[in-house]
Protein backbone atom coordinates (compact mmCIF):
# COMPACT_ATOMS: atom_id res chain seq x y z
CA MET A 1 -0.61 48.53 43.36
CA THR A 2 0.26 46.84 40.09
CA GLY A 3 3.42 48.35 38.67
CA THR A 4 4.06 50.42 41.79
CA LEU A 5 7.40 50.33 43.59
CA LEU A 6 6.89 49.23 47.18
CA THR A 7 8.67 51.51 49.60
CA THR A 8 7.04 50.72 52.94
CA THR A 9 6.79 47.69 55.17
CA ASP A 10 3.00 47.92 55.21
CA GLY A 11 2.91 48.13 51.42
CA ALA A 12 5.12 45.08 51.07
CA LYS A 13 3.06 43.14 53.63
CA ASP A 14 -0.18 43.99 51.81
CA ALA A 15 1.29 42.99 48.44
CA LEU A 16 2.51 39.64 49.80
CA ILE A 17 -0.87 38.88 51.36
CA ARG A 18 -2.65 39.65 48.08
CA GLN A 19 -0.13 37.50 46.16
CA VAL A 20 -0.59 34.48 48.41
CA THR A 21 -4.37 34.72 48.84
CA GLY A 22 -5.34 36.01 45.39
CA ALA A 23 -6.83 33.91 42.63
CA VAL A 24 -4.52 32.28 40.10
CA ARG A 25 -5.69 33.03 36.58
CA TRP A 26 -3.80 30.12 35.01
CA VAL A 27 -6.33 29.36 32.26
CA ASP A 28 -6.50 33.03 31.24
CA CYS A 29 -2.70 33.27 31.17
CA VAL A 30 -2.29 30.10 29.10
CA GLN A 31 -5.01 31.15 26.67
CA ALA A 32 -3.26 34.50 26.22
CA LEU A 33 0.01 32.68 25.51
CA ILE A 34 -1.70 30.37 22.99
CA ALA A 35 -3.22 33.41 21.26
CA GLY A 36 0.35 34.63 20.71
CA GLY A 37 0.94 31.66 18.42
CA PRO A 38 3.84 29.68 19.90
CA THR A 39 4.67 26.33 18.33
CA HIS A 40 5.79 24.65 21.57
CA PHE A 41 5.62 25.14 25.32
CA ILE A 42 8.62 24.01 27.36
CA GLU A 43 8.36 23.22 31.07
CA VAL A 44 11.68 23.36 32.92
CA GLY A 45 12.06 21.50 36.20
CA PRO A 46 11.09 18.18 37.71
CA GLY A 47 7.75 16.72 36.71
CA LYS A 48 5.24 17.53 34.00
CA VAL A 49 2.44 19.19 35.94
CA LEU A 50 2.28 22.33 33.79
CA CYS A 51 2.42 20.31 30.56
CA GLY A 52 -0.54 18.29 31.87
CA LEU A 53 -2.49 21.43 32.75
CA LEU A 54 -1.77 22.82 29.28
CA LYS A 55 -3.24 19.68 27.69
CA GLN A 56 -6.40 20.10 29.79
CA ILE A 57 -6.79 23.61 28.39
CA ASP A 58 -5.95 22.80 24.75
CA VAL A 59 -5.03 19.28 23.62
CA THR A 60 -3.65 20.57 20.32
CA GLN A 61 -0.71 22.37 21.97
CA LYS A 62 2.74 20.78 21.88
CA SER A 63 4.60 20.72 25.18
CA LEU A 64 8.02 19.44 26.16
CA ASN A 65 9.65 18.96 29.56
CA VAL A 66 13.28 19.54 30.52
CA GLU A 67 14.33 18.07 33.86
CA ASP A 68 17.75 16.61 33.16
CA GLY A 69 20.42 16.30 30.49
CA ALA A 70 18.65 13.57 28.56
CA SER A 71 15.35 15.44 28.41
CA LEU A 72 17.20 18.60 27.38
CA GLU A 73 18.77 16.72 24.46
CA ALA A 74 15.38 15.26 23.50
CA THR A 75 13.77 18.70 23.64
CA LEU A 76 16.48 20.25 21.50
CA ALA A 77 16.14 17.44 18.96
CA ALA A 78 12.35 17.90 18.86
CA LEU A 79 12.73 21.61 18.20
CA LEU A 80 15.13 21.23 15.28
């Protein structure tokens, strides 16, 4: 059903079940992002879980975290 507009209750229910129970392809997604050549990854929100997972996949990647005003300022300064 990828890319299909859901128009029925049964279709929506099936899609939600597959979303919740399906495998997360995090490593594949991150590797695809890395292949695109970004210079930095920025995690927005409390904590640094995704930055940590990124480092487990590729320690050479640069990641920053924004969770408050101070970390936003630090991230902006690091990007300039």
